[in-house]
Protein backbone atom coordinates (compact mmCIF):
# COMPACT_ATOMS: atom_id res chain seq x y z
CA MET A 1 -21.98 16.66 -77.42
CA PRO A 2 -25.06 18.68 -78.21
CA GLU A 3 -28.11 17.36 -76.21
CA HIS A 4 -29.94 16.72 -79.56
CA ALA A 5 -26.78 14.47 -80.86
CA LYS A 6 -27.66 11.09 -82.38
CA HIS A 7 -25.76 8.21 -81.13
CA PRO A 8 -25.54 4.70 -82.99
CA THR A 9 -28.24 2.18 -81.74
CA ASP A 10 -25.31 -0.08 -79.87
CA GLU A 11 -24.70 3.25 -77.62
CA ARG A 12 -28.18 3.75 -76.46
CA LEU A 13 -28.87 3.90 -72.65
CA LYS A 14 -31.17 0.96 -72.76
CA ILE A 15 -28.63 -1.34 -74.19
CA ALA A 16 -25.96 -0.13 -71.55
CA LEU A 17 -28.35 -0.57 -69.09
CA LEU A 18 -29.09 -4.11 -70.05
CA LEU A 19 -25.12 -5.15 -70.55
CA ALA A 20 -24.39 -3.80 -67.09
CA THR A 21 -27.58 -5.79 -65.77
CA ASN A 22 -26.12 -8.86 -67.23
CA SER A 23 -22.76 -8.44 -65.77
CA GLY A 24 -24.11 -7.98 -62.33
CA PHE A 25 -26.44 -10.94 -63.00
CA VAL A 26 -23.54 -13.19 -63.97
CA ASP A 27 -21.03 -12.27 -61.19
CA ALA A 28 -23.68 -12.60 -58.64
CA TYR A 29 -24.27 -16.10 -60.06
CA THR A 30 -20.58 -17.20 -59.98
CA PHE A 31 -19.79 -15.56 -56.59
CA HIS A 32 -22.79 -17.85 -55.55
CA TYR A 33 -21.97 -21.17 -56.84
CA HIS A 34 -18.29 -20.92 -57.65
CA ALA A 35 -16.37 -20.13 -54.43
CA GLU A 36 -17.36 -16.48 -54.17
CA ARG A 37 -15.29 -15.58 -57.21
CA PHE A 38 -16.35 -13.24 -59.79
CA ALA A 39 -15.84 -13.87 -63.63
CA SER A 40 -15.20 -10.26 -64.99
CA LEU A 41 -13.09 -8.62 -62.12
CA GLN A 42 -9.55 -9.60 -63.75
CA THR A 43 -7.72 -7.30 -60.85
CA GLY A 44 -8.88 -9.49 -58.28
CA ASN A 45 -7.67 -12.64 -60.18
CA ILE A 46 -4.43 -11.00 -60.63
CA ILE A 47 -3.81 -9.97 -56.84
CA GLN A 48 -4.95 -13.70 -55.91
CA ALA A 49 -2.68 -15.28 -58.29
CA GLY A 50 0.27 -13.30 -56.72
CA ILE A 51 -0.60 -14.43 -53.46
CA ALA A 52 -0.89 -17.86 -54.45
CA LEU A 53 2.81 -17.76 -55.87
CA ALA A 54 3.87 -16.24 -52.80
CA ARG A 55 2.41 -19.32 -50.90
CA LYS A 56 3.95 -21.29 -53.64
CA ASP A 57 0.94 -22.82 -54.40
CA PHE A 58 1.22 -23.10 -58.04
CA ASN A 59 -1.79 -25.00 -58.80
CA GLY A 60 -3.86 -22.61 -56.86
CA SER A 61 -1.98 -19.66 -58.86
CA LEU A 62 -2.94 -21.69 -62.25
CA SER A 63 -6.75 -21.55 -61.22
CA PHE A 64 -6.51 -17.61 -61.26
CA PHE A 65 -4.11 -17.27 -64.36
CA MET A 66 -6.57 -19.28 -66.65
CA PRO A 67 -9.42 -16.80 -66.35
CA ILE A 68 -7.01 -13.82 -66.71
CA LEU A 69 -5.67 -15.49 -69.87
CA PHE A 70 -8.87 -16.22 -71.71
CA PHE A 71 -10.32 -12.72 -70.58
CA LEU A 72 -7.49 -11.58 -72.79
CA LEU A 73 -8.09 -14.28 -75.46
CA GLY A 74 -12.01 -13.03 -75.49
CA ALA A 75 -10.97 -9.42 -76.19
CA ALA A 76 -8.58 -10.57 -79.05
CA PHE A 77 -11.30 -12.78 -80.40
CA ASN A 78 -13.83 -10.07 -80.63
CA GLY A 79 -11.70 -8.22 -82.52
CA ILE A 80 -11.27 -11.14 -85.03
CA ILE A 81 -15.19 -10.96 -85.20
CA ARG A 82 -15.23 -7.30 -86.44
CA HIS A 83 -12.57 -8.00 -89.08
CA ARG A 84 -13.83 -11.58 -90.45
CA LEU A 85 -17.67 -11.22 -90.37
CA THR A 86 -18.96 -8.61 -92.57
CA GLU A 87 -22.09 -6.58 -91.56
CA LYS A 88 -25.03 -7.44 -93.73
CA LYS A 89 -28.30 -8.26 -91.76
CA LEU A 90 -26.45 -8.45 -88.30
CA SER A 91 -24.13 -5.86 -87.13
CA SER A 92 -20.81 -6.50 -85.72
CA LYS A 93 -22.48 -6.17 -82.37
CA GLN A 94 -24.88 -8.62 -82.89
CA HIS A 95 -22.23 -11.04 -83.97
CA SER A 96 -20.50 -10.62 -80.45
CA LEU A 97 -23.42 -11.28 -78.82
CA LEU A 98 -24.37 -14.47 -80.77
CA VAL A 99 -21.10 -15.75 -79.71
CA GLU A 100 -21.84 -14.83 -76.24
CA ILE A 101 -25.39 -16.07 -76.02
CA ILE A 102 -24.02 -19.58 -77.56
CA GLY A 103 -21.17 -19.64 -75.45
CA ILE A 104 -23.11 -19.26 -72.31
CA SER A 105 -25.47 -21.66 -73.39
CA ILE A 106 -23.24 -24.27 -73.91
CA ILE A 107 -22.05 -23.53 -70.52
CA ILE A 108 -25.21 -23.95 -68.71
CA ALA A 109 -25.64 -27.44 -70.37
CA ILE A 110 -22.01 -28.59 -69.26
CA ASN A 111 -22.17 -26.89 -65.80
CA ASP A 112 -22.37 -30.36 -64.07
CA HIS A 113 -19.42 -31.82 -65.84
CA ILE A 114 -17.07 -28.87 -65.63
CA SER A 115 -15.10 -27.61 -62.51
CA SER A 116 -15.35 -24.15 -61.06
CA THR A 117 -12.05 -23.06 -62.47
CA VAL A 118 -13.24 -23.84 -65.95
CA PHE A 119 -16.53 -22.42 -65.22
CA ILE A 120 -14.95 -19.33 -64.10
CA THR A 121 -12.68 -19.45 -66.97
CA LEU A 122 -15.08 -19.70 -70.14
CA ILE A 123 -17.42 -17.01 -68.65
CA SER A 124 -14.54 -14.84 -68.38
CA PHE A 125 -13.96 -15.37 -72.12
CA PHE A 126 -17.35 -14.27 -72.93
CA LEU A 127 -17.73 -11.34 -70.70
CA ALA A 128 -14.39 -9.84 -72.25
CA ILE A 129 -16.24 -10.18 -75.92
CA GLN A 130 -19.03 -8.17 -74.63
CA LEU A 131 -16.71 -5.80 -72.93
CA ASP A 132 -15.00 -5.07 -76.26
CA ALA A 133 -18.07 -5.06 -78.24
CA PHE A 134 -19.76 -2.40 -76.38
CA PRO A 135 -17.15 0.38 -75.24
CA ARG A 136 -19.43 3.27 -75.45
CA VAL A 137 -22.84 4.69 -74.33
CA ARG A 138 -23.96 8.15 -75.75
CA GLY A 139 -20.52 8.71 -77.25
CA LEU A 140 -19.10 8.31 -73.55
CA PRO A 141 -16.26 5.52 -72.80
CA PHE A 142 -18.05 3.06 -70.21
CA THR A 143 -17.37 -0.46 -68.96
CA SER A 144 -20.15 -2.63 -69.23
CA VAL A 145 -18.62 -5.80 -67.24
CA MET A 146 -17.25 -3.72 -64.13
CA SER A 147 -18.16 -0.53 -62.35
CA THR A 148 -14.76 1.08 -61.44
CA GLY A 149 -14.44 3.45 -64.33
CA ASN A 150 -18.06 4.21 -64.01
CA LEU A 151 -17.99 5.02 -60.48
CA ARG A 152 -14.94 7.27 -61.36
CA ASN A 153 -16.63 9.03 -64.22
CA VAL A 154 -19.56 9.87 -61.42
CA GLY A 155 -16.90 11.37 -59.31
CA VAL A 156 -15.10 13.23 -61.89
CA ASN A 157 -18.24 14.78 -63.42
CA LEU A 158 -19.52 15.88 -60.05
CA VAL A 159 -16.57 17.96 -59.28
CA GLN A 160 -16.64 19.33 -62.88
CA TYR A 161 -20.77 20.25 -62.18
CA TYR A 162 -19.45 21.92 -59.03
CA TYR A 163 -16.79 23.94 -60.34
CA THR A 164 -18.36 24.63 -63.61
CA LYS A 165 -22.02 24.50 -63.25
CA ASN A 166 -21.81 22.80 -66.44
CA PRO A 167 -25.37 20.78 -67.29
CA THR A 168 -23.72 18.12 -69.35
CA ALA A 169 -21.39 17.14 -66.28
CA LEU A 170 -24.81 16.68 -64.10
CA LYS A 171 -26.33 14.50 -66.97
CA ASN A 172 -23.14 12.46 -67.20
CA VAL A 173 -23.63 11.62 -63.28
CA ARG A 174 -27.03 10.62 -63.68
CA LEU A 175 -26.18 8.65 -66.57
CA PHE A 176 -23.29 6.69 -65.13
CA SER A 177 -25.36 6.37 -61.87
CA VAL A 178 -27.93 4.30 -63.35
CA ILE A 179 -25.78 2.07 -64.85
CA ILE A 180 -23.68 1.42 -61.66
CA LEU A 181 -27.72 0.87 -60.45
CA ALA A 182 -27.99 -1.85 -63.31
CA PHE A 183 -24.89 -3.74 -61.83
CA LEU A 184 -26.71 -3.77 -58.70
CA ILE A 185 -30.28 -4.80 -60.11
CA GLY A 186 -28.62 -7.69 -61.83
CA ALA A 187 -26.94 -9.00 -58.94
CA PHE A 188 -30.23 -8.66 -57.13
CA LEU A 189 -32.15 -10.42 -59.74
CA SER A 190 -29.56 -13.14 -59.92
CA ALA A 191 -29.65 -13.76 -56.15
CA PHE A 192 -33.41 -13.74 -55.97
CA LEU A 193 -34.12 -16.30 -59.03
CA ALA A 194 -31.36 -18.68 -57.71
CA THR A 195 -33.76 -18.96 -54.65
CA TYR A 196 -36.15 -20.70 -57.06
CA LEU A 197 -34.06 -21.76 -60.21
CA GLY A 198 -30.64 -22.87 -58.66
CA GLN A 199 -28.06 -23.27 -60.96
CA THR A 200 -30.21 -22.83 -64.18
CA THR A 201 -30.58 -19.17 -63.15
CA LEU A 202 -27.76 -18.49 -65.42
CA ILE A 203 -30.45 -18.97 -68.06
CA GLY A 204 -31.62 -15.45 -67.16
CA SER A 205 -28.17 -14.09 -68.60
CA VAL A 206 -29.26 -15.61 -72.04
CA ILE A 207 -32.40 -14.05 -71.95
CA ILE A 208 -30.93 -10.54 -71.00
CA LEU A 209 -28.67 -11.11 -73.89
CA LEU A 210 -31.40 -11.92 -76.26
CA GLY A 211 -33.15 -8.62 -75.41
CA ILE A 212 -30.24 -6.81 -76.31
CA PHE A 213 -29.43 -8.70 -79.73
CA PHE A 214 -33.30 -7.63 -80.86
CA LEU A 215 -33.01 -4.12 -79.38
CA LEU A 216 -30.06 -3.91 -81.96
CA PHE A 217 -32.46 -4.26 -84.78
CA ASP A 218 -34.12 -0.96 -83.86
CA HIS A 219 -32.60 2.01 -85.17
CA SER A 220 -35.51 4.58 -84.80
CA GLU A 221 -34.49 6.19 -81.49
CA GLU A 222 -30.86 6.49 -82.27
CA ASN A 223 -30.67 9.66 -79.90
CA SER A 224 -31.92 7.98 -76.85
């Protein structure tokens, strides 16, 4: 795509960076406070569910199957948002963000009254909404709740640049590298703030998501 090409507001790099920061923030929180588990990494849940089944620990396997199911339901629910809520003052992306913001706020409020499994399950639902709502950055596919695909993109584009010297490939290396860095920064901020805020640290996720919500009103720099 040409250097000067304009992209939709929701595909701007600053939006992708904040989404990645939020995911790193939330997963660091769940790792710290909920038995070293991640809310977005469903591959890990699938593997652990298989291990639990092999050990005939059926109750244990259920605690891993529940986040998987709700992650699937979250992605499906975002499809309902796109089809049922018309874009007027708010875009479909903003509708999705509002659901995520309200959902995480409710989870914060009931945190003391639910188990870790329920907590992880509910967070998985809302992270799936985020993943499905924001699938692209600057016209390129990316994942906002995990780094595996972004790491792959760095490696592929590095090799492409080595053989072709295509400047676009090098630009993509930088793009996906800063997104990966945003995950790291989110995790750092979450761990750092936990020292002072304890279990209320998750409020930071709501603040990040609100920032993204308001940035989506700005259409003045669509090629940024």
